[in-house]
Amino acid sequence: LALLHFRENARILISTSVGEEGLDIPSADVEVWIDPPSNPRKWIQRFGRVLRQPGGKDYATTYVLVTMGTHEWTRLLSTMRKVERFYGFTQEIVFINDFKAQKKLDI
């Protein structure tokens, strides 16, 4: 019953790699990742958690929490480039510092 309530009412999904497969949260429009996926297939699977609903959605917002200059940052940029090249998704990185958007980076 709790899972059914969550699926029908959730607006945000915070996920680790455990959430890449098997979860469909059609009421969510925002997804927060605390570890970036390591390849395009995993990216698409994870992103699909919030895009699924009857008829689909046109867009969803994903926040990926990483620190610039780390291994995770490098992996994020590499995977984003591959996702754009393989699947044609339009993506944008917005740097946030003290919750204020500071700078955008075209990848």
PDB file of N, CA and C in Angstrom:
ATOM      1  N   LEU A   1       0.821  -1.188   0.000  1.00  0.00           N
ATOM      2  CA  LEU A   1       0.000   0.000   0.000  1.00  0.00           C
ATOM      3  C   LEU A   1       0.872   1.262   0.000  1.00  0.00           C
ATOM      4  N   ALA A   2       1.940   1.251   0.779  1.00  0.00           N
ATOM      5  CA  ALA A   2       2.834   2.417   0.828  1.00  0.00           C
ATOM      6  C   ALA A   2       3.490   2.657  -0.527  1.00  0.00           C
ATOM      7  N   LEU A   3       3.918   1.587  -1.205  1.00  0.00           N
ATOM      8  CA  LEU A   3       4.545   1.735  -2.521  1.00  0.00           C
ATOM      9  C   LEU A   3       3.540   2.265  -3.538  1.00  0.00           C
ATOM     10  N   LEU A   4       2.313   1.800  -3.502  1.00  0.00           N
ATOM     11  CA  LEU A   4       1.275   2.298  -4.403  1.00  0.00           C
ATOM     12  C   LEU A   4       1.043   3.790  -4.162  1.00  0.00           C
ATOM     13  N   HIS A   5       0.945   4.192  -2.914  1.00  0.00           N
ATOM     14  CA  HIS A   5       0.775   5.611  -2.580  1.00  0.00           C
ATOM     15  C   HIS A   5       1.955   6.426  -3.108  1.00  0.00           C
ATOM     16  N   PHE A   6       3.170   5.920  -2.928  1.00  0.00           N
ATOM     17  CA  PHE A   6       4.360   6.618  -3.418  1.00  0.00           C
ATOM     18  C   PHE A   6       4.320   6.763  -4.934  1.00  0.00           C
ATOM     19  N   ARG A   7       4.016   5.694  -5.649  1.00  0.00           N
ATOM     20  CA  ARG A   7       3.987   5.733  -7.116  1.00  0.00           C
ATOM     21  C   ARG A   7       2.967   6.729  -7.647  1.00  0.00           C
ATOM     22  N   GLU A   8       1.870   6.879  -6.966  1.00  0.00           N
ATOM     23  CA  GLU A   8       0.812   7.762  -7.450  1.00  0.00           C
ATOM     24  C   GLU A   8       0.990   9.212  -7.017  1.00  0.00           C
ATOM     25  N   ASN A   9       1.808   9.464  -6.017  1.00  0.00           N
ATOM     26  CA  ASN A   9       1.899  10.809  -5.459  1.00  0.00           C
ATOM     27  C   ASN A   9       3.294  11.418  -5.442  1.00  0.00           C
ATOM     28  N   ALA A  10       4.312  10.650  -5.733  1.00  0.00           N
ATOM     29  CA  ALA A  10       5.687  11.162  -5.657  1.00  0.00           C
ATOM     30  C   ALA A  10       5.940  12.192  -6.746  1.00  0.00           C
ATOM     31  N   ARG A  11       6.665  13.237  -6.405  1.00  0.00           N
ATOM     32  CA  ARG A  11       7.060  14.252  -7.387  1.00  0.00           C
ATOM     33  C   ARG A  11       8.566  14.226  -7.614  1.00  0.00           C
ATOM     34  N   ILE A  12       9.323  13.695  -6.656  1.00  0.00           N
ATOM     35  CA  ILE A  12      10.776  13.650  -6.755  1.00  0.00           C
ATOM     36  C   ILE A  12      11.249  12.243  -6.413  1.00  0.00           C
ATOM     37  N   LEU A  13      12.212  11.748  -7.195  1.00  0.00           N
ATOM     38  CA  LEU A  13      12.828  10.454  -6.935  1.00  0.00           C
ATOM     39  C   LEU A  13      14.316  10.677  -6.715  1.00  0.00           C
ATOM     40  N   ILE A  14      14.834  10.272  -5.564  1.00  0.00           N
ATOM     41  CA  ILE A  14      16.267  10.315  -5.293  1.00  0.00           C
ATOM     42  C   ILE A  14      16.763   8.886  -5.392  1.00  0.00           C
ATOM     43  N   SER A  15      17.785   8.679  -6.240  1.00  0.00           N
ATOM     44  CA  SER A  15      18.128   7.317  -6.614  1.00  0.00           C
ATOM     45  C   SER A  15      19.629   7.076  -6.639  1.00  0.00           C
ATOM     46  N   THR A  16      20.031   5.877  -6.254  1.00  0.00           N
ATOM     47  CA  THR A  16      21.369   5.377  -6.540  1.00  0.00           C
ATOM     48  C   THR A  16      21.220   4.417  -7.709  1.00  0.00           C
ATOM     49  N   SER A  17      22.241   3.639  -7.992  1.00  0.00           N
ATOM     50  CA  SER A  17      22.159   2.697  -9.110  1.00  0.00           C
ATOM     51  C   SER A  17      21.077   1.642  -8.895  1.00  0.00           C
ATOM     52  N   VAL A  18      20.632   1.457  -7.671  1.00  0.00           N
ATOM     53  CA  VAL A  18      19.550   0.511  -7.390  1.00  0.00           C
ATOM     54  C   VAL A  18      18.290   0.898  -8.155  1.00  0.00           C
ATOM     55  N   GLY A  19      18.102   2.189  -8.400  1.00  0.00           N
ATOM     56  CA  GLY A  19      16.908   2.670  -9.081  1.00  0.00           C
ATOM     57  C   GLY A  19      16.963   2.623 -10.591  1.00  0.00           C
ATOM     58  N   GLU A  20      18.019   2.048 -11.168  1.00  0.00           N
ATOM     59  CA  GLU A  20      18.134   2.031 -12.629  1.00  0.00           C
ATOM     60  C   GLU A  20      17.087   1.157 -13.298  1.00  0.00           C
ATOM     61  N   GLU A  21      16.700   0.091 -12.650  1.00  0.00           N
ATOM     62  CA  GLU A  21      15.760  -0.836 -13.275  1.00  0.00           C
ATOM     63  C   GLU A  21      14.648  -1.189 -12.298  1.00  0.00           C
ATOM     64  N   GLY A  22      13.475  -1.403 -12.844  1.00  0.00           N
ATOM     65  CA  GLY A  22      12.378  -1.935 -12.061  1.00  0.00           C
ATOM     66  C   GLY A  22      11.484  -0.929 -11.366  1.00  0.00           C
ATOM     67  N   LEU A  23      11.886   0.332 -11.306  1.00  0.00           N
ATOM     68  CA  LEU A  23      11.041   1.351 -10.690  1.00  0.00           C
ATOM     69  C   LEU A  23      10.429   2.226 -11.769  1.00  0.00           C
ATOM     70  N   ASP A  24       9.148   2.407 -11.725  1.00  0.00           N
ATOM     71  CA  ASP A  24       8.473   3.368 -12.591  1.00  0.00           C
ATOM     72  C   ASP A  24       7.659   4.274 -11.683  1.00  0.00           C
ATOM     73  N   ILE A  25       7.996   5.554 -11.701  1.00  0.00           N
ATOM     74  CA  ILE A  25       7.325   6.517 -10.834  1.00  0.00           C
ATOM     75  C   ILE A  25       6.691   7.574 -11.736  1.00  0.00           C
ATOM     76  N   PRO A  26       5.529   7.292 -12.330  1.00  0.00           N
ATOM     77  CA  PRO A  26       4.947   8.188 -13.323  1.00  0.00           C
ATOM     78  C   PRO A  26       4.559   9.560 -12.788  1.00  0.00           C
ATOM     79  N   SER A  27       4.334   9.703 -11.495  1.00  0.00           N
ATOM     80  CA  SER A  27       3.939  11.008 -10.968  1.00  0.00           C
ATOM     81  C   SER A  27       5.136  11.939 -10.755  1.00  0.00           C
ATOM     82  N   ALA A  28       6.363  11.420 -10.791  1.00  0.00           N
ATOM     83  CA  ALA A  28       7.557  12.244 -10.556  1.00  0.00           C
ATOM     84  C   ALA A  28       7.957  12.997 -11.820  1.00  0.00           C
ATOM     85  N   ASP A  29       8.357  14.251 -11.651  1.00  0.00           N
ATOM     86  CA  ASP A  29       8.877  15.076 -12.743  1.00  0.00           C
ATOM     87  C   ASP A  29      10.347  15.413 -12.544  1.00  0.00           C
ATOM     88  N   VAL A  30      10.866  15.141 -11.347  1.00  0.00           N
ATOM     89  CA  VAL A  30      12.246  15.474 -10.999  1.00  0.00           C
ATOM     90  C   VAL A  30      12.918  14.226 -10.447  1.00  0.00           C
ATOM     91  N   GLU A  31      14.161  14.028 -10.865  1.00  0.00           N
ATOM     92  CA  GLU A  31      14.951  12.903 -10.381  1.00  0.00           C
ATOM     93  C   GLU A  31      16.290  13.449  -9.895  1.00  0.00           C
ATOM     94  N   VAL A  32      16.766  12.947  -8.756  1.00  0.00           N
ATOM     95  CA  VAL A  32      18.052  13.363  -8.197  1.00  0.00           C
ATOM     96  C   VAL A  32      18.944  12.139  -8.120  1.00  0.00           C
ATOM     97  N   TRP A  33      20.114  12.237  -8.758  1.00  0.00           N
ATOM     98  CA  TRP A  33      21.081  11.133  -8.728  1.00  0.00           C
ATOM     99  C   TRP A  33      22.236  11.524  -7.835  1.00  0.00           C
ATOM    100  N   ILE A  34      22.660  10.627  -6.972  1.00  0.00           N
ATOM    101  CA  ILE A  34      23.809  10.904  -6.122  1.00  0.00           C
ATOM    102  C   ILE A  34      25.067  10.216  -6.633  1.00  0.00           C
ATOM    103  N   ASP A  35      24.933   9.460  -7.698  1.00  0.00           N
ATOM    104  CA  ASP A  35      26.089   8.892  -8.387  1.00  0.00           C
ATOM    105  C   ASP A  35      25.741   8.802  -9.867  1.00  0.00           C
ATOM    106  N   PRO A  36      26.571   9.363 -10.742  1.00  0.00           N
ATOM    107  CA  PRO A  36      26.236   9.351 -12.169  1.00  0.00           C
ATOM    108  C   PRO A  36      26.363   7.956 -12.764  1.00  0.00           C
ATOM    109  N   PRO A  37      25.498   7.605 -13.708  1.00  0.00           N
ATOM    110  CA  PRO A  37      25.608   6.320 -14.387  1.00  0.00           C
ATOM    111  C   PRO A  37      26.918   6.240 -15.162  1.00  0.00           C
ATOM    112  N   SER A  38      27.418   5.030 -15.322  1.00  0.00           N
ATOM    113  CA  SER A  38      28.721   4.845 -15.956  1.00  0.00           C
ATOM    114  C   SER A  38      28.649   4.617 -17.461  1.00  0.00           C
ATOM    115  N   ASN A  39      27.464   4.408 -18.010  1.00  0.00           N
ATOM    116  CA  ASN A  39      27.349   4.227 -19.461  1.00  0.00           C
ATOM    117  C   ASN A  39      25.969   4.691 -19.938  1.00  0.00           C
ATOM    118  N   PRO A  40      25.836   4.931 -21.252  1.00  0.00           N
ATOM    119  CA  PRO A  40      24.571   5.470 -21.789  1.00  0.00           C
ATOM    120  C   PRO A  40      23.348   4.596 -21.521  1.00  0.00           C
ATOM    121  N   ARG A  41      23.496   3.283 -21.565  1.00  0.00           N
ATOM    122  CA  ARG A  41      22.353   2.394 -21.326  1.00  0.00           C
ATOM    123  C   ARG A  41      21.815   2.598 -19.910  1.00  0.00           C
ATOM    124  N   LYS A  42      22.723   2.662 -18.947  1.00  0.00           N
ATOM    125  CA  LYS A  42      22.295   2.887 -17.564  1.00  0.00           C
ATOM    126  C   LYS A  42      21.664   4.269 -17.402  1.00  0.00           C
ATOM    127  N   TRP A  43      22.202   5.254 -18.120  1.00  0.00           N
ATOM    128  CA  TRP A  43      21.657   6.621 -18.081  1.00  0.00           C
ATOM    129  C   TRP A  43      20.199   6.606 -18.528  1.00  0.00           C
ATOM    130  N   ILE A  44      19.960   5.971 -19.680  1.00  0.00           N
ATOM    131  CA  ILE A  44      18.607   5.907 -20.241  1.00  0.00           C
ATOM    132  C   ILE A  44      17.673   5.151 -19.304  1.00  0.00           C
ATOM    133  N   GLN A  45      18.146   4.031 -18.753  1.00  0.00           N
ATOM    134  CA  GLN A  45      17.304   3.268 -17.830  1.00  0.00           C
ATOM    135  C   GLN A  45      16.924   4.110 -16.617  1.00  0.00           C
ATOM    136  N   ARG A  46      17.901   4.811 -16.078  1.00  0.00           N
ATOM    137  CA  ARG A  46      17.642   5.607 -14.884  1.00  0.00           C
ATOM    138  C   ARG A  46      16.721   6.783 -15.204  1.00  0.00           C
ATOM    139  N   PHE A  47      16.992   7.460 -16.307  1.00  0.00           N
ATOM    140  CA  PHE A  47      16.180   8.608 -16.696  1.00  0.00           C
ATOM    141  C   PHE A  47      14.738   8.190 -16.982  1.00  0.00           C
ATOM    142  N   GLY A  48      14.579   6.974 -17.486  1.00  0.00           N
ATOM    143  CA  GLY A  48      13.250   6.469 -17.809  1.00  0.00           C
ATOM    144  C   GLY A  48      12.339   6.288 -16.614  1.00  0.00           C
ATOM    145  N   ARG A  49      12.901   6.290 -15.410  1.00  0.00           N
ATOM    146  CA  ARG A  49      12.076   6.106 -14.208  1.00  0.00           C
ATOM    147  C   ARG A  49      11.033   7.205 -14.086  1.00  0.00           C
ATOM    148  N   VAL A  50      11.372   8.424 -14.492  1.00  0.00           N
ATOM    149  CA  VAL A  50      10.428   9.535 -14.347  1.00  0.00           C
ATOM    150  C   VAL A  50       9.732   9.892 -15.654  1.00  0.00           C
ATOM    151  N   LEU A  51      10.158   9.324 -16.765  1.00  0.00           N
ATOM    152  CA  LEU A  51       9.503   9.623 -18.046  1.00  0.00           C
ATOM    153  C   LEU A  51       8.318   8.714 -18.331  1.00  0.00           C
ATOM    154  N   ARG A  52       8.235   7.610 -17.631  1.00  0.00           N
ATOM    155  CA  ARG A  52       7.181   6.644 -17.925  1.00  0.00           C
ATOM    156  C   ARG A  52       5.853   7.074 -17.337  1.00  0.00           C
ATOM    157  N   GLN A  53       4.883   7.054 -18.182  1.00  0.00           N
ATOM    158  CA  GLN A  53       3.488   7.236 -17.786  1.00  0.00           C
ATOM    159  C   GLN A  53       2.663   6.894 -19.012  1.00  0.00           C
ATOM    160  N   PRO A  54       1.393   6.652 -18.870  1.00  0.00           N
ATOM    161  CA  PRO A  54       0.586   6.413 -20.063  1.00  0.00           C
ATOM    162  C   PRO A  54       0.710   7.591 -21.025  1.00  0.00           C
ATOM    163  N   GLY A  55       1.152   7.346 -22.226  1.00  0.00           N
ATOM    164  CA  GLY A  55       1.334   8.400 -23.212  1.00  0.00           C
ATOM    165  C   GLY A  55       2.695   9.056 -23.172  1.00  0.00           C
ATOM    166  N   GLY A  56       3.492   8.796 -22.127  1.00  0.00           N
ATOM    167  CA  GLY A  56       4.834   9.366 -22.023  1.00  0.00           C
ATOM    168  C   GLY A  56       4.823  10.824 -21.597  1.00  0.00           C
ATOM    169  N   LYS A  57       6.008  11.364 -21.386  1.00  0.00           N
ATOM    170  CA  LYS A  57       6.188  12.769 -21.029  1.00  0.00           C
ATOM    171  C   LYS A  57       7.123  13.392 -22.040  1.00  0.00           C
ATOM    172  N   ASP A  58       7.023  14.689 -22.211  1.00  0.00           N
ATOM    173  CA  ASP A  58       7.910  15.395 -23.126  1.00  0.00           C
ATOM    174  C   ASP A  58       9.277  15.654 -22.508  1.00  0.00           C
ATOM    175  N   TYR A  59       9.337  15.845 -21.209  1.00  0.00           N
ATOM    176  CA  TYR A  59      10.611  16.135 -20.548  1.00  0.00           C
ATOM    177  C   TYR A  59      10.518  15.817 -19.060  1.00  0.00           C
ATOM    178  N   ALA A  60      11.667  15.720 -18.452  1.00  0.00           N
ATOM    179  CA  ALA A  60      11.789  15.592 -17.004  1.00  0.00           C
ATOM    180  C   ALA A  60      13.098  16.258 -16.613  1.00  0.00           C
ATOM    181  N   THR A  61      13.237  16.608 -15.366  1.00  0.00           N
ATOM    182  CA  THR A  61      14.446  17.260 -14.880  1.00  0.00           C
ATOM    183  C   THR A  61      15.222  16.289 -14.008  1.00  0.00           C
ATOM    184  N   THR A  62      16.524  16.205 -14.261  1.00  0.00           N
ATOM    185  CA  THR A  62      17.402  15.357 -13.463  1.00  0.00           C
ATOM    186  C   THR A  62      18.513  16.201 -12.868  1.00  0.00           C
ATOM    187  N   TYR A  63      18.727  16.071 -11.584  1.00  0.00           N
ATOM    188  CA  TYR A  63      19.852  16.709 -10.910  1.00  0.00           C
ATOM    189  C   TYR A  63      20.855  15.622 -10.563  1.00  0.00           C
ATOM    190  N   VAL A  64      22.110  15.852 -10.919  1.00  0.00           N
ATOM    191  CA  VAL A  64      23.177  14.912 -10.600  1.00  0.00           C
ATOM    192  C   VAL A  64      24.129  15.629  -9.645  1.00  0.00           C
ATOM    193  N   LEU A  65      24.318  15.076  -8.470  1.00  0.00           N
ATOM    194  CA  LEU A  65      25.151  15.712  -7.458  1.00  0.00           C
ATOM    195  C   LEU A  65      26.573  15.173  -7.549  1.00  0.00           C
ATOM    196  N   VAL A  66      27.471  15.966  -8.109  1.00  0.00           N
ATOM    197  CA  VAL A  66      28.880  15.586  -8.205  1.00  0.00           C
ATOM    198  C   VAL A  66      29.744  16.818  -7.932  1.00  0.00           C
ATOM    199  N   THR A  67      30.985  16.575  -7.586  1.00  0.00           N
ATOM    200  CA  THR A  67      31.950  17.646  -7.356  1.00  0.00           C
ATOM    201  C   THR A  67      32.860  17.752  -8.566  1.00  0.00           C
ATOM    202  N   MET A  68      33.024  18.974  -9.066  1.00  0.00           N
ATOM    203  CA  MET A  68      33.892  19.191 -10.222  1.00  0.00           C
ATOM    204  C   MET A  68      35.308  18.704  -9.921  1.00  0.00           C
ATOM    205  N   GLY A  69      35.950  18.170 -10.966  1.00  0.00           N
ATOM    206  CA  GLY A  69      37.335  17.741 -10.846  1.00  0.00           C
ATOM    207  C   GLY A  69      37.526  16.348 -10.284  1.00  0.00           C
ATOM    208  N   THR A  70      36.439  15.664  -9.951  1.00  0.00           N
ATOM    209  CA  THR A  70      36.539  14.308  -9.408  1.00  0.00           C
ATOM    210  C   THR A  70      36.347  13.277 -10.513  1.00  0.00           C
ATOM    211  N   HIS A  71      36.592  12.014 -10.170  1.00  0.00           N
ATOM    212  CA  HIS A  71      36.345  10.921 -11.113  1.00  0.00           C
ATOM    213  C   HIS A  71      34.876  10.907 -11.543  1.00  0.00           C
ATOM    214  N   GLU A  72      33.987  11.147 -10.608  1.00  0.00           N
ATOM    215  CA  GLU A  72      32.555  11.153 -10.923  1.00  0.00           C
ATOM    216  C   GLU A  72      32.212  12.256 -11.913  1.00  0.00           C
ATOM    217  N   TRP A  73      32.858  13.411 -11.783  1.00  0.00           N
ATOM    218  CA  TRP A  73      32.647  14.528 -12.708  1.00  0.00           C
ATOM    219  C   TRP A  73      33.068  14.136 -14.120  1.00  0.00           C
ATOM    220  N   THR A  74      34.249  13.550 -14.252  1.00  0.00           N
ATOM    221  CA  THR A  74      34.751  13.115 -15.560  1.00  0.00           C
ATOM    222  C   THR A  74      33.823  12.076 -16.169  1.00  0.00           C
ATOM    223  N   ARG A  75      33.375  11.131 -15.359  1.00  0.00           N
ATOM    224  CA  ARG A  75      32.457  10.090 -15.831  1.00  0.00           C
ATOM    225  C   ARG A  75      31.128  10.702 -16.271  1.00  0.00           C
ATOM    226  N   LEU A  76      30.634  11.677 -15.524  1.00  0.00           N
ATOM    227  CA  LEU A  76      29.384  12.347 -15.882  1.00  0.00           C
ATOM    228  C   LEU A  76      29.494  13.004 -17.252  1.00  0.00           C
ATOM    229  N   LEU A  77      30.540  13.786 -17.480  1.00  0.00           N
ATOM    230  CA  LEU A  77      30.710  14.466 -18.771  1.00  0.00           C
ATOM    231  C   LEU A  77      30.822  13.472 -19.913  1.00  0.00           C
ATOM    232  N   SER A  78      31.608  12.428 -19.724  1.00  0.00           N
ATOM    233  CA  SER A  78      31.788  11.419 -20.765  1.00  0.00           C
ATOM    234  C   SER A  78      30.471  10.726 -21.103  1.00  0.00           C
ATOM    235  N   THR A  79      29.744  10.336 -20.086  1.00  0.00           N
ATOM    236  CA  THR A  79      28.472   9.638 -20.315  1.00  0.00           C
ATOM    237  C   THR A  79      27.448  10.563 -20.955  1.00  0.00           C
ATOM    238  N   MET A  80      27.405  11.827 -20.546  1.00  0.00           N
ATOM    239  CA  MET A  80      26.463  12.773 -21.155  1.00  0.00           C
ATOM    240  C   MET A  80      26.744  12.944 -22.644  1.00  0.00           C
ATOM    241  N   ARG A  81      28.005  13.043 -23.007  1.00  0.00           N
ATOM    242  CA  ARG A  81      28.353  13.166 -24.431  1.00  0.00           C
ATOM    243  C   ARG A  81      27.880  11.947 -25.215  1.00  0.00           C
ATOM    244  N   LYS A  82      28.087  10.770 -24.657  1.00  0.00           N
ATOM    245  CA  LYS A  82      27.668   9.534 -25.333  1.00  0.00           C
ATOM    246  C   LYS A  82      26.151   9.462 -25.463  1.00  0.00           C
ATOM    247  N   VAL A  83      25.438   9.848 -24.422  1.00  0.00           N
ATOM    248  CA  VAL A  83      23.970   9.824 -24.471  1.00  0.00           C
ATOM    249  C   VAL A  83      23.468  10.759 -25.562  1.00  0.00           C
ATOM    250  N   GLU A  84      24.050  11.945 -25.649  1.00  0.00           N
ATOM    251  CA  GLU A  84      23.637  12.886 -26.703  1.00  0.00           C
ATOM    252  C   GLU A  84      23.935  12.319 -28.082  1.00  0.00           C
ATOM    253  N   ARG A  85      25.104  11.732 -28.240  1.00  0.00           N
ATOM    254  CA  ARG A  85      25.497  11.197 -29.543  1.00  0.00           C
ATOM    255  C   ARG A  85      24.644   9.985 -29.935  1.00  0.00           C
ATOM    256  N   PHE A  86      24.425   9.061 -29.011  1.00  0.00           N
ATOM    257  CA  PHE A  86      23.704   7.825 -29.319  1.00  0.00           C
ATOM    258  C   PHE A  86      22.190   8.000 -29.376  1.00  0.00           C
ATOM    259  N   TYR A  87      21.646   8.830 -28.479  1.00  0.00           N
ATOM    260  CA  TYR A  87      20.191   8.917 -28.333  1.00  0.00           C
ATOM    261  C   TYR A  87      19.605  10.265 -28.733  1.00  0.00           C
ATOM    262  N   GLY A  88      20.439  11.263 -28.950  1.00  0.00           N
ATOM    263  CA  GLY A  88      19.953  12.564 -29.390  1.00  0.00           C
ATOM    264  C   GLY A  88      19.297  13.412 -28.323  1.00  0.00           C
ATOM    265  N   PHE A  89      19.499  13.082 -27.053  1.00  0.00           N
ATOM    266  CA  PHE A  89      18.932  13.893 -25.979  1.00  0.00           C
ATOM    267  C   PHE A  89      19.641  15.231 -25.896  1.00  0.00           C
ATOM    268  N   THR A  90      18.893  16.269 -25.642  1.00  0.00           N
ATOM    269  CA  THR A  90      19.459  17.584 -25.375  1.00  0.00           C
ATOM    270  C   THR A  90      19.665  17.693 -23.869  1.00  0.00           C
ATOM    271  N   GLN A  91      20.896  18.028 -23.477  1.00  0.00           N
ATOM    272  CA  GLN A  91      21.222  18.111 -22.058  1.00  0.00           C
ATOM    273  C   GLN A  91      22.000  19.389 -21.788  1.00  0.00           C
ATOM    274  N   GLU A  92      21.941  19.809 -20.567  1.00  0.00           N
ATOM    275  CA  GLU A  92      22.634  21.032 -20.185  1.00  0.00           C
ATOM    276  C   GLU A  92      23.150  20.869 -18.758  1.00  0.00           C
ATOM    277  N   ILE A  93      24.350  21.363 -18.525  1.00  0.00           N
ATOM    278  CA  ILE A  93      24.902  21.360 -17.173  1.00  0.00           C
ATOM    279  C   ILE A  93      24.792  22.773 -16.623  1.00  0.00           C
ATOM    280  N   VAL A  94      24.263  22.872 -15.430  1.00  0.00           N
ATOM    281  CA  VAL A  94      24.190  24.156 -14.735  1.00  0.00           C
ATOM    282  C   VAL A  94      24.951  23.992 -13.424  1.00  0.00           C
ATOM    283  N   PHE A  95      25.950  24.828 -13.234  1.00  0.00           N
ATOM    284  CA  PHE A  95      26.705  24.794 -11.984  1.00  0.00           C
ATOM    285  C   PHE A  95      25.920  25.533 -10.916  1.00  0.00           C
ATOM    286  N   ILE A  96      25.847  24.950  -9.750  1.00  0.00           N
ATOM    287  CA  ILE A  96      25.121  25.580  -8.658  1.00  0.00           C
ATOM    288  C   ILE A  96      26.057  25.716  -7.462  1.00  0.00           C
ATOM    289  N   ASN A  97      26.094  26.923  -6.924  1.00  0.00           N
ATOM    290  CA  ASN A  97      26.905  27.214  -5.756  1.00  0.00           C
ATOM    291  C   ASN A  97      26.033  28.031  -4.815  1.00  0.00           C
ATOM    292  N   ASP A  98      25.865  27.572  -3.613  1.00  0.00           N
ATOM    293  CA  ASP A  98      24.969  28.239  -2.668  1.00  0.00           C
ATOM    294  C   ASP A  98      23.566  28.386  -3.251  1.00  0.00           C
ATOM    295  N   PHE A  99      23.152  27.379  -4.018  1.00  0.00           N
ATOM    296  CA  PHE A  99      21.822  27.309  -4.607  1.00  0.00           C
ATOM    297  C   PHE A  99      21.522  28.428  -5.592  1.00  0.00           C
ATOM    298  N   LYS A 100      22.546  29.043  -6.166  1.00  0.00           N
ATOM    299  CA  LYS A 100      22.359  30.046  -7.206  1.00  0.00           C
ATOM    300  C   LYS A 100      23.085  29.563  -8.454  1.00  0.00           C
ATOM    301  N   ALA A 101      22.406  29.528  -9.580  1.00  0.00           N
ATOM    302  CA  ALA A 101      23.049  29.105 -10.824  1.00  0.00           C
ATOM    303  C   ALA A 101      24.152  30.099 -11.161  1.00  0.00           C
ATOM    304  N   GLN A 102      25.357  29.610 -11.364  1.00  0.00           N
ATOM    305  CA  GLN A 102      26.507  30.467 -11.601  1.00  0.00           C
ATOM    306  C   GLN A 102      26.938  30.487 -13.063  1.00  0.00           C
ATOM    307  N   LYS A 103      26.921  29.344 -13.709  1.00  0.00           N
ATOM    308  CA  LYS A 103      27.541  29.243 -15.019  1.00  0.00           C
ATOM    309  C   LYS A 103      26.982  28.018 -15.723  1.00  0.00           C
ATOM    310  N   LYS A 104      26.847  28.115 -17.038  1.00  0.00           N
ATOM    311  CA  LYS A 104      26.403  26.969 -17.821  1.00  0.00           C
ATOM    312  C   LYS A 104      27.573  26.469 -18.646  1.00  0.00           C
ATOM    313  N   LEU A 105      27.605  25.173 -18.889  1.00  0.00           N
ATOM    314  CA  LEU A 105      28.669  24.556 -19.662  1.00  0.00           C
ATOM    315  C   LEU A 105      28.046  23.782 -20.804  1.00  0.00           C
ATOM    316  N   ASP A 106      28.426  24.109 -22.031  1.00  0.00           N
ATOM    317  CA  ASP A 106      27.993  23.315 -23.170  1.00  0.00           C
ATOM    318  C   ASP A 106      28.915  22.118 -23.274  1.00  0.00           C
ATOM    319  N   ILE A 107      28.342  20.943 -23.411  1.00  0.00           N
ATOM    320  CA  ILE A 107      29.182  19.751 -23.488  1.00  0.00           C
ATOM    321  C   ILE A 107      29.336  19.283 -24.909  1.00  0.00           C
TER     322      ILE A 107
END
